[in-house]
N, C-alpha and C. Protein backbone atom coordinates (compact mmCIF):
# COMPACT_ATOMS: atom_id res chain seq x y z
N MET A 1 10.33 19.88 -24.41
CA MET A 1 10.47 20.36 -23.08
C MET A 1 9.41 21.21 -22.76
N GLN A 2 8.85 22.29 -23.59
CA GLN A 2 7.85 23.14 -23.44
C GLN A 2 6.59 22.25 -23.15
N PHE A 3 6.32 21.08 -23.73
CA PHE A 3 5.36 20.42 -23.52
C PHE A 3 5.07 20.07 -22.10
N VAL A 4 6.32 19.49 -21.36
CA VAL A 4 6.39 19.00 -20.22
C VAL A 4 6.42 20.01 -19.18
N THR A 5 6.73 21.21 -19.58
CA THR A 5 6.58 22.46 -18.41
C THR A 5 5.00 22.92 -18.64
N VAL A 6 4.26 22.73 -19.69
CA VAL A 6 2.88 23.29 -19.58
C VAL A 6 2.29 22.23 -18.95
N GLN A 7 2.22 20.89 -19.25
CA GLN A 7 1.66 19.82 -18.71
C GLN A 7 1.91 19.86 -16.91
N ILE A 8 2.97 20.20 -16.69
CA ILE A 8 3.22 20.13 -15.12
C ILE A 8 2.51 21.45 -14.67
N GLY A 9 2.54 22.58 -14.89
CA GLY A 9 2.05 23.61 -14.94
C GLY A 9 0.38 23.34 -14.66
N TRP A 10 -0.19 22.65 -15.89
CA TRP A 10 -1.64 22.53 -15.60
C TRP A 10 -1.88 21.73 -14.47
N MET A 11 -1.37 20.86 -14.38
CA MET A 11 -1.49 19.85 -13.13
C MET A 11 -1.13 20.49 -11.68
N LEU A 12 -0.26 21.06 -11.70
CA LEU A 12 -0.19 21.80 -10.26
C LEU A 12 -1.12 22.72 -10.40
N GLY A 13 -1.63 23.73 -11.17
CA GLY A 13 -2.74 24.58 -11.18
C GLY A 13 -4.06 23.91 -10.79
N THR A 14 -4.27 22.82 -11.48
CA THR A 14 -5.24 21.70 -11.27
C THR A 14 -5.51 21.40 -9.57
N LEU A 15 -4.11 20.76 -9.17
CA LEU A 15 -4.04 20.50 -7.61
C LEU A 15 -4.37 21.56 -6.89
N LEU A 16 -3.72 23.23 -6.99
CA LEU A 16 -4.24 24.24 -5.96
C LEU A 16 -5.35 24.62 -6.13
N VAL A 17 -6.17 24.54 -7.55
CA VAL A 17 -7.68 25.08 -7.29
C VAL A 17 -8.43 24.40 -6.76
N LEU A 18 -8.12 22.97 -6.92
CA LEU A 18 -9.08 21.85 -6.25
C LEU A 18 -8.99 22.08 -4.88
N THR A 19 -7.53 21.99 -4.50
CA THR A 19 -7.12 22.40 -3.05
C THR A 19 -8.09 23.52 -2.30
N VAL A 20 -7.73 24.64 -2.60
CA VAL A 20 -8.54 25.71 -2.20
C VAL A 20 -9.98 25.80 -2.10
N LEU A 21 -10.70 25.40 -3.27
CA LEU A 21 -11.84 24.77 -3.35
C LEU A 21 -12.34 23.92 -2.33
N GLY A 22 -11.62 23.14 -2.03
CA GLY A 22 -12.08 22.13 -0.89
C GLY A 22 -12.58 20.91 -1.64
N VAL A 23 -12.51 20.71 -2.85
CA VAL A 23 -13.18 19.68 -3.39
C VAL A 23 -12.21 18.58 -4.19
N PHE A 24 -11.07 18.20 -3.81
CA PHE A 24 -10.04 17.66 -4.01
C PHE A 24 -10.58 16.05 -3.95
N SER A 25 -10.34 15.45 -5.07
CA SER A 25 -10.50 13.79 -4.93
C SER A 25 -9.36 13.36 -6.14
N TYR A 26 -9.07 12.33 -5.70
CA TYR A 26 -8.13 11.73 -6.95
C TYR A 26 -8.91 11.56 -8.58
N GLY A 27 -10.38 11.18 -8.16
CA GLY A 27 -10.93 11.17 -9.44
C GLY A 27 -11.00 12.28 -10.57
N LEU A 28 -11.27 13.40 -9.56
CA LEU A 28 -11.56 14.51 -10.30
C LEU A 28 -10.22 15.18 -10.80
N PHE A 29 -9.13 15.12 -10.39
CA PHE A 29 -7.68 15.54 -10.49
C PHE A 29 -7.57 14.72 -11.62
N ILE A 30 -7.50 13.18 -11.46
CA ILE A 30 -7.13 12.68 -12.89
C ILE A 30 -8.17 13.06 -14.24
N LEU A 31 -9.26 13.13 -14.02
CA LEU A 31 -10.05 13.75 -15.16
C LEU A 31 -9.82 14.91 -15.58
N ILE A 32 -9.31 15.81 -14.77
CA ILE A 32 -9.32 17.16 -15.11
C ILE A 32 -7.78 17.10 -15.52
N ALA A 33 -6.99 16.39 -15.11
CA ALA A 33 -5.41 16.51 -16.00
C ALA A 33 -5.31 15.50 -17.36
N VAL A 34 -6.19 14.59 -17.58
CA VAL A 34 -6.71 14.23 -18.89
C VAL A 34 -6.77 15.05 -19.59
N THR A 35 -8.07 15.86 -19.34
CA THR A 35 -8.47 16.75 -20.12
C THR A 35 -7.42 17.61 -20.62
N GLY A 36 -6.62 18.06 -19.39
CA GLY A 36 -5.64 19.12 -20.00
C GLY A 36 -4.59 18.70 -21.05
N PHE A 37 -4.34 17.38 -20.51
CA PHE A 37 -2.97 16.58 -21.35
C PHE A 37 -3.55 16.46 -23.12
N LEU A 38 -4.88 16.02 -23.07
CA LEU A 38 -5.14 16.04 -24.47
C LEU A 38 -5.16 17.28 -25.19
N THR A 39 -5.88 18.62 -24.31
CA THR A 39 -5.97 19.71 -24.92
C THR A 39 -4.62 20.45 -25.26
N ILE A 40 -3.73 20.14 -24.40
CA ILE A 40 -2.05 20.75 -24.57
C ILE A 40 -1.59 19.92 -25.64
N ILE A 41 -2.01 18.42 -26.01
CA ILE A 41 -1.66 17.67 -27.15
C ILE A 41 -2.07 18.73 -28.49
N LYS A 42 -3.35 18.79 -28.35
CA LYS A 42 -4.14 19.26 -29.58
C LYS A 42 -3.61 20.94 -29.63
N LEU A 43 -3.57 21.79 -29.03
CA LEU A 43 -2.82 23.22 -28.90
C LEU A 43 -1.21 23.12 -29.54
N MET A 44 -0.52 22.28 -29.35
CA MET A 44 0.99 22.13 -29.54
C MET A 44 1.20 21.50 -30.80
N THR A 45 0.39 20.72 -31.23
CA THR A 45 0.57 20.25 -32.51
C THR A 45 0.26 20.89 -33.72
N SER A 46 1.43 21.07 -34.55
CA SER A 46 1.07 21.37 -35.71
C SER A 46 -0.09 21.03 -36.90
N SER A 47 -0.64 21.27 -37.74
CA SER A 47 -1.51 20.57 -38.44
C SER A 47 -0.45 20.13 -39.87
N THR A 48 0.31 21.10 -40.27
CA THR A 48 1.09 20.50 -41.37
C THR A 48 2.58 19.44 -40.88
N VAL A 49 2.97 19.95 -39.77
CA VAL A 49 4.41 18.83 -39.69
C VAL A 49 4.13 18.06 -38.33
N GLN A 50 4.02 16.81 -38.45
CA GLN A 50 4.19 15.79 -37.62
C GLN A 50 5.43 15.85 -36.68
N PRO A 51 5.40 16.21 -35.43
CA PRO A 51 6.58 16.36 -34.76
C PRO A 51 6.56 14.79 -34.35
N ARG A 52 8.07 14.39 -34.10
CA ARG A 52 8.38 13.07 -33.49
C ARG A 52 8.20 12.83 -32.30
N TRP A 53 8.12 13.94 -31.27
CA TRP A 53 7.31 13.67 -30.09
C TRP A 53 5.91 13.34 -30.18
N ARG A 54 5.18 13.34 -31.02
CA ARG A 54 3.65 13.09 -30.86
C ARG A 54 3.91 11.85 -30.83
N ALA A 55 4.41 10.91 -31.53
CA ALA A 55 4.00 9.77 -31.86
C ALA A 55 4.35 8.76 -30.60
N ARG A 56 5.15 9.32 -29.91
CA ARG A 56 5.44 8.80 -28.66
C ARG A 56 4.46 9.03 -27.58
N LEU A 57 3.69 9.93 -27.69
CA LEU A 57 2.58 10.09 -26.83
C LEU A 57 1.72 9.21 -26.71
N CYS A 58 1.41 8.26 -28.07
CA CYS A 58 0.10 7.47 -28.17
C CYS A 58 0.01 6.67 -26.87
N ARG A 59 1.02 5.85 -26.07
CA ARG A 59 0.84 5.11 -25.10
C ARG A 59 0.45 5.90 -23.74
N PHE A 60 0.70 7.00 -23.57
CA PHE A 60 -0.13 8.00 -22.64
C PHE A 60 -0.88 8.09 -22.72
N VAL A 61 -1.45 8.47 -24.08
CA VAL A 61 -2.95 8.97 -24.40
C VAL A 61 -3.88 7.79 -23.97
N VAL A 62 -3.68 6.73 -24.56
CA VAL A 62 -4.12 5.61 -24.14
C VAL A 62 -4.36 5.23 -22.77
N PHE A 63 -2.99 5.02 -22.06
CA PHE A 63 -3.21 5.12 -20.58
C PHE A 63 -4.01 5.94 -19.83
N GLY A 64 -4.14 7.25 -20.10
CA GLY A 64 -4.66 8.36 -19.75
C GLY A 64 -6.15 8.27 -19.93
N LEU A 65 -6.77 7.89 -21.11
CA LEU A 65 -8.05 7.79 -21.14
C LEU A 65 -8.75 6.36 -20.62
N ALA A 66 -7.74 5.50 -20.35
CA ALA A 66 -8.06 4.22 -19.84
C ALA A 66 -8.29 4.54 -18.33
N LEU A 67 -7.42 5.53 -17.80
CA LEU A 67 -7.61 5.88 -16.29
C LEU A 67 -8.77 6.48 -16.11
N ALA A 68 -9.14 7.29 -17.26
CA ALA A 68 -10.55 8.51 -16.91
C ALA A 68 -11.67 7.25 -17.19
N VAL A 69 -11.52 6.50 -18.04
CA VAL A 69 -13.16 5.55 -18.09
C VAL A 69 -13.07 4.61 -16.73
N VAL A 70 -12.02 4.58 -16.26
CA VAL A 70 -11.95 3.73 -14.73
C VAL A 70 -12.50 4.64 -13.84
N VAL A 71 -12.13 5.72 -13.75
CA VAL A 71 -12.64 6.82 -12.79
C VAL A 71 -14.31 6.92 -12.95
N ILE A 72 -14.66 6.99 -14.26
CA ILE A 72 -16.15 7.66 -14.84
C ILE A 72 -16.84 6.08 -14.46
N THR A 73 -16.27 5.12 -14.75
CA THR A 73 -16.98 3.73 -14.26
C THR A 73 -17.26 3.73 -12.56
N PHE A 74 -16.34 3.99 -12.10
CA PHE A 74 -16.57 3.80 -10.50
C PHE A 74 -17.68 4.82 -10.27
N ARG A 75 -17.34 6.16 -10.52
CA ARG A 75 -18.25 6.97 -10.32
C ARG A 75 -19.84 6.77 -10.64
N VAL A 76 -20.03 6.13 -11.96
CA VAL A 76 -21.50 5.95 -12.14
C VAL A 76 -22.09 4.59 -11.43
N ILE A 77 -21.18 3.65 -11.03
CA ILE A 77 -21.80 2.70 -10.11
C ILE A 77 -21.63 3.34 -8.53
N GLN A 78 -21.17 4.33 -8.23
CA GLN A 78 -21.54 4.79 -7.01
C GLN A 78 -22.84 5.43 -7.25
N VAL A 79 -23.03 6.10 -8.19
CA VAL A 79 -24.38 6.81 -8.05
C VAL A 79 -25.77 5.95 -8.39
N ILE A 80 -25.30 4.79 -9.48
CA ILE A 80 -26.48 4.16 -9.62
C ILE A 80 -26.72 2.85 -8.56
N ALA A 81 -25.68 2.28 -8.19
CA ALA A 81 -25.61 1.32 -6.98
C ALA A 81 -26.88 1.63 -6.12
N PRO A 82 -27.39 0.51 -5.76
CA PRO A 82 -28.44 1.21 -4.44
C PRO A 82 -27.50 0.99 -3.04
N PRO A 83 -27.82 1.77 -1.91
CA PRO A 83 -27.04 1.86 -0.92
C PRO A 83 -27.42 0.53 -0.23
N ALA A 84 -26.45 0.10 0.47
CA ALA A 84 -26.47 -1.10 1.32
C ALA A 84 -27.17 -0.75 2.70
N ILE A 85 -28.00 -1.67 2.71
CA ILE A 85 -29.07 -1.67 3.99
C ILE A 85 -27.91 -2.35 5.12
N PRO A 86 -27.90 -1.58 6.33
CA PRO A 86 -27.30 -2.21 7.26
C PRO A 86 -27.95 -2.82 8.20
């Protein structure tokens, strides 16, 4: 339960900071949330004992990384693609 509390706190803090700074976008929010998710997993996992809850996070990690790749791909396409000529 502590993991969920920390993750929700991270995401709410991210949302608050991005909103206050006026730079909120879904892509940026997803990238920061996934980065926080992976960081929290790493910080809350012991190197000697493998907790049961960590094995269940594999699907979420794969989904989060796939979502981050989609966001980055769309952003790269926006930067590289030539502007449309009206």
